[in-house]
Amino acid sequence: MVVPMRLYKTITVFSTLLAVIGILGGFVVLDVATDRAQAAASDVSIGLALLGVALIACGAGAYAFSTRFRTAGMGNAKDDADEGSHNG
């Protein structure tokens, strides 16, 4: 999706911030749920573990969402058919 440069910068900054917070927060919650991977299987907090995995997935999704945007001058590498093969 082609957007203006100002919107592209805003999307990139905030989606990267949300992705980092989500992924790091997810690992922290997962670490707490498993007591630093020291807890027995019966002592693991399933709710916190699922919350941690969900935060990691949401962080990854936020980053993947942000890669869908581009500005008018960026182009799209897979649409550039005018370049020939320079493979020998």
N, C-alpha and C. Protein backbone atom coordinates (compact mmCIF):
# COMPACT_ATOMS: atom_id res chain seq x y z
N MET A 1 0.85 -1.16 0.00
CA MET A 1 0.00 0.00 0.00
C MET A 1 0.90 1.23 0.00
N VAL A 2 0.67 2.12 -0.92
CA VAL A 2 1.47 3.34 -1.03
C VAL A 2 0.84 4.43 -0.16
N VAL A 3 1.64 5.00 0.72
CA VAL A 3 1.18 6.06 1.63
C VAL A 3 2.17 7.23 1.57
N PRO A 4 1.76 8.41 2.04
CA PRO A 4 2.68 9.55 2.08
C PRO A 4 3.84 9.27 3.05
N MET A 5 4.96 9.93 2.81
CA MET A 5 6.17 9.70 3.60
C MET A 5 5.94 9.94 5.09
N ARG A 6 5.21 10.97 5.44
CA ARG A 6 4.95 11.28 6.86
C ARG A 6 4.21 10.13 7.55
N LEU A 7 3.20 9.60 6.89
CA LEU A 7 2.44 8.47 7.44
C LEU A 7 3.31 7.22 7.50
N TYR A 8 4.13 7.00 6.48
CA TYR A 8 5.04 5.85 6.46
C TYR A 8 5.99 5.87 7.66
N LYS A 9 6.56 7.04 7.93
CA LYS A 9 7.47 7.17 9.07
C LYS A 9 6.75 6.91 10.38
N THR A 10 5.54 7.43 10.51
CA THR A 10 4.76 7.23 11.73
C THR A 10 4.43 5.75 11.92
N ILE A 11 3.98 5.10 10.88
CA ILE A 11 3.66 3.67 10.95
C ILE A 11 4.90 2.87 11.31
N THR A 12 6.02 3.18 10.68
CA THR A 12 7.25 2.43 10.94
C THR A 12 7.71 2.58 12.38
N VAL A 13 7.71 3.79 12.88
CA VAL A 13 8.17 4.04 14.24
C VAL A 13 7.28 3.34 15.27
N PHE A 14 5.98 3.56 15.18
CA PHE A 14 5.10 3.01 16.20
C PHE A 14 4.91 1.51 16.09
N SER A 15 4.90 0.97 14.89
CA SER A 15 4.75 -0.48 14.77
C SER A 15 6.02 -1.19 15.24
N THR A 16 7.18 -0.61 15.00
CA THR A 16 8.42 -1.20 15.50
C THR A 16 8.45 -1.13 17.03
N LEU A 17 8.02 -0.01 17.57
CA LEU A 17 7.97 0.13 19.03
C LEU A 17 7.01 -0.89 19.64
N LEU A 18 5.82 -1.03 19.06
CA LEU A 18 4.86 -2.01 19.56
C LEU A 18 5.38 -3.43 19.41
N ALA A 19 6.07 -3.71 18.31
CA ALA A 19 6.62 -5.05 18.10
C ALA A 19 7.68 -5.38 19.15
N VAL A 20 8.57 -4.45 19.41
CA VAL A 20 9.63 -4.69 20.40
C VAL A 20 9.03 -4.87 21.79
N ILE A 21 8.09 -4.00 22.15
CA ILE A 21 7.46 -4.11 23.47
C ILE A 21 6.69 -5.42 23.59
N GLY A 22 5.97 -5.79 22.54
CA GLY A 22 5.20 -7.02 22.57
C GLY A 22 6.07 -8.26 22.69
N ILE A 23 7.13 -8.31 21.91
CA ILE A 23 8.00 -9.49 21.93
C ILE A 23 8.77 -9.58 23.24
N LEU A 24 9.36 -8.48 23.67
CA LEU A 24 10.10 -8.52 24.94
C LEU A 24 9.17 -8.78 26.11
N GLY A 25 8.01 -8.12 26.12
CA GLY A 25 7.04 -8.35 27.18
C GLY A 25 6.55 -9.78 27.19
N GLY A 26 6.35 -10.34 26.02
CA GLY A 26 5.92 -11.74 25.93
C GLY A 26 6.94 -12.69 26.51
N PHE A 27 8.21 -12.45 26.23
CA PHE A 27 9.25 -13.31 26.79
C PHE A 27 9.36 -13.14 28.31
N VAL A 28 9.16 -11.92 28.80
CA VAL A 28 9.19 -11.70 30.25
C VAL A 28 8.02 -12.43 30.92
N VAL A 29 6.83 -12.31 30.36
CA VAL A 29 5.66 -12.99 30.92
C VAL A 29 5.84 -14.51 30.85
N LEU A 30 6.37 -15.00 29.75
CA LEU A 30 6.63 -16.43 29.61
C LEU A 30 7.67 -16.90 30.62
N ASP A 31 8.65 -16.07 30.87
CA ASP A 31 9.67 -16.38 31.86
C ASP A 31 9.07 -16.46 33.27
N VAL A 32 8.19 -15.52 33.58
CA VAL A 32 7.52 -15.53 34.89
C VAL A 32 6.62 -16.76 35.01
N ALA A 33 5.91 -17.10 33.94
CA ALA A 33 4.98 -18.24 33.97
C ALA A 33 5.70 -19.55 34.21
N THR A 34 6.92 -19.67 33.71
CA THR A 34 7.67 -20.93 33.86
C THR A 34 8.71 -20.85 34.95
N ASP A 35 8.70 -19.79 35.72
CA ASP A 35 9.67 -19.59 36.81
C ASP A 35 11.09 -19.77 36.29
N ARG A 36 11.40 -19.00 35.25
CA ARG A 36 12.72 -19.01 34.61
C ARG A 36 13.10 -20.40 34.11
N ALA A 37 12.10 -21.11 33.58
CA ALA A 37 12.26 -22.45 33.02
C ALA A 37 12.71 -23.46 34.07
N GLN A 38 12.44 -23.15 35.33
CA GLN A 38 12.82 -24.05 36.43
C GLN A 38 11.61 -24.77 37.01
N ALA A 39 10.41 -24.34 36.67
CA ALA A 39 9.20 -24.90 37.28
C ALA A 39 8.90 -26.27 36.71
N ALA A 40 8.34 -27.10 37.55
CA ALA A 40 7.85 -28.40 37.09
C ALA A 40 6.62 -28.17 36.22
N ALA A 41 6.29 -29.14 35.41
CA ALA A 41 5.16 -28.99 34.48
C ALA A 41 3.87 -28.68 35.21
N SER A 42 3.69 -29.21 36.41
CA SER A 42 2.46 -28.96 37.16
C SER A 42 2.43 -27.56 37.78
N ASP A 43 3.58 -26.91 37.88
CA ASP A 43 3.65 -25.59 38.50
C ASP A 43 3.60 -24.45 37.49
N VAL A 44 3.61 -24.75 36.21
CA VAL A 44 3.60 -23.71 35.18
C VAL A 44 2.22 -23.06 35.13
N SER A 45 2.21 -21.74 35.11
CA SER A 45 0.96 -20.99 35.00
C SER A 45 0.54 -20.96 33.53
N ILE A 46 -0.47 -21.75 33.20
CA ILE A 46 -0.90 -21.87 31.81
C ILE A 46 -1.43 -20.54 31.28
N GLY A 47 -2.18 -19.83 32.09
CA GLY A 47 -2.72 -18.53 31.64
C GLY A 47 -1.63 -17.54 31.30
N LEU A 48 -0.63 -17.44 32.16
CA LEU A 48 0.48 -16.51 31.87
C LEU A 48 1.30 -16.98 30.68
N ALA A 49 1.49 -18.28 30.57
CA ALA A 49 2.25 -18.81 29.43
C ALA A 49 1.54 -18.50 28.12
N LEU A 50 0.23 -18.67 28.08
CA LEU A 50 -0.54 -18.35 26.87
C LEU A 50 -0.52 -16.85 26.59
N LEU A 51 -0.58 -16.04 27.65
CA LEU A 51 -0.49 -14.59 27.47
C LEU A 51 0.87 -14.21 26.88
N GLY A 52 1.93 -14.83 27.36
CA GLY A 52 3.26 -14.55 26.84
C GLY A 52 3.39 -14.91 25.38
N VAL A 53 2.89 -16.08 25.00
CA VAL A 53 2.95 -16.49 23.60
C VAL A 53 2.09 -15.57 22.74
N ALA A 54 0.93 -15.14 23.26
CA ALA A 54 0.07 -14.23 22.52
C ALA A 54 0.75 -12.87 22.31
N LEU A 55 1.45 -12.38 23.33
CA LEU A 55 2.17 -11.11 23.18
C LEU A 55 3.28 -11.22 22.13
N ILE A 56 3.98 -12.33 22.13
CA ILE A 56 5.03 -12.54 21.12
C ILE A 56 4.42 -12.57 19.72
N ALA A 57 3.30 -13.29 19.57
CA ALA A 57 2.64 -13.37 18.27
C ALA A 57 2.11 -12.01 17.83
N CYS A 58 1.56 -11.24 18.75
CA CYS A 58 1.06 -9.89 18.40
C CYS A 58 2.20 -8.96 18.01
N GLY A 59 3.33 -9.07 18.70
CA GLY A 59 4.49 -8.26 18.33
C GLY A 59 4.99 -8.60 16.94
N ALA A 60 5.04 -9.88 16.64
CA ALA A 60 5.46 -10.30 15.30
C ALA A 60 4.45 -9.85 14.25
N GLY A 61 3.18 -9.92 14.58
CA GLY A 61 2.14 -9.47 13.66
C GLY A 61 2.20 -7.99 13.40
N ALA A 62 2.48 -7.21 14.43
CA ALA A 62 2.61 -5.75 14.26
C ALA A 62 3.76 -5.42 13.33
N TYR A 63 4.86 -6.13 13.46
CA TYR A 63 6.00 -5.87 12.57
C TYR A 63 5.67 -6.28 11.15
N ALA A 64 5.04 -7.44 10.99
CA ALA A 64 4.67 -7.90 9.65
C ALA A 64 3.68 -6.94 8.99
N PHE A 65 2.76 -6.40 9.77
CA PHE A 65 1.80 -5.43 9.25
C PHE A 65 2.50 -4.18 8.74
N SER A 66 3.52 -3.73 9.45
CA SER A 66 4.20 -2.49 9.06
C SER A 66 4.98 -2.65 7.77
N THR A 67 5.35 -3.86 7.41
CA THR A 67 6.12 -4.05 6.18
C THR A 67 5.26 -3.96 4.93
N ARG A 68 3.97 -3.86 5.07
CA ARG A 68 3.06 -3.76 3.92
C ARG A 68 3.01 -2.36 3.33
N PHE A 69 3.53 -1.38 4.04
CA PHE A 69 3.44 0.00 3.59
C PHE A 69 4.73 0.43 2.90
N ARG A 70 4.59 1.34 1.94
CA ARG A 70 5.73 1.93 1.26
C ARG A 70 5.33 3.31 0.75
N THR A 71 6.32 4.09 0.38
CA THR A 71 6.04 5.41 -0.18
C THR A 71 6.13 5.33 -1.70
N ALA A 72 5.75 6.41 -2.35
CA ALA A 72 5.70 6.42 -3.80
C ALA A 72 7.07 6.17 -4.43
N GLY A 73 8.13 6.65 -3.83
CA GLY A 73 9.45 6.51 -4.42
C GLY A 73 10.17 5.21 -4.10
N MET A 74 9.58 4.38 -3.26
CA MET A 74 10.27 3.17 -2.83
C MET A 74 10.25 2.07 -3.88
N GLY A 75 9.19 1.93 -4.60
CA GLY A 75 9.09 0.86 -5.58
C GLY A 75 8.85 -0.47 -4.90
N ASN A 76 8.75 -1.51 -5.70
CA ASN A 76 8.52 -2.84 -5.19
C ASN A 76 9.44 -3.79 -5.96
N ALA A 77 10.35 -4.42 -5.29
CA ALA A 77 11.38 -5.23 -5.94
C ALA A 77 10.80 -6.34 -6.79
N LYS A 78 9.73 -6.97 -6.38
CA LYS A 78 9.21 -8.08 -7.16
C LYS A 78 8.46 -7.62 -8.41
N ASP A 79 8.16 -6.33 -8.52
CA ASP A 79 7.50 -5.81 -9.72
C ASP A 79 8.49 -5.26 -10.74
N ASP A 80 9.76 -5.24 -10.42
CA ASP A 80 10.78 -4.71 -11.33
C ASP A 80 11.20 -5.78 -12.33
N ALA A 81 10.46 -5.89 -13.42
CA ALA A 81 10.76 -6.90 -14.43
C ALA A 81 11.71 -6.36 -15.50
N ASP A 82 12.00 -5.06 -15.46
CA ASP A 82 12.84 -4.47 -16.50
C ASP A 82 14.32 -4.70 -16.29
N GLU A 83 14.72 -5.25 -15.16
CA GLU A 83 16.13 -5.53 -14.94
C GLU A 83 16.47 -6.93 -15.45
N GLY A 84 17.51 -7.00 -16.25
CA GLY A 84 17.93 -8.29 -16.77
C GLY A 84 18.79 -9.05 -15.79
N SER A 85 19.00 -10.28 -16.11
CA SER A 85 19.84 -11.11 -15.26
C SER A 85 21.30 -10.82 -15.55
N HIS A 86 22.07 -10.53 -14.51
CA HIS A 86 23.49 -10.26 -14.67
C HIS A 86 24.29 -11.44 -14.16
N ASN A 87 23.81 -12.62 -14.44
CA ASN A 87 24.40 -13.84 -13.93
C ASN A 87 25.34 -14.47 -14.96
N GLY A 88 26.30 -13.77 -15.38
CA GLY A 88 27.28 -14.38 -16.26
C GLY A 88 26.95 -14.19 -17.66
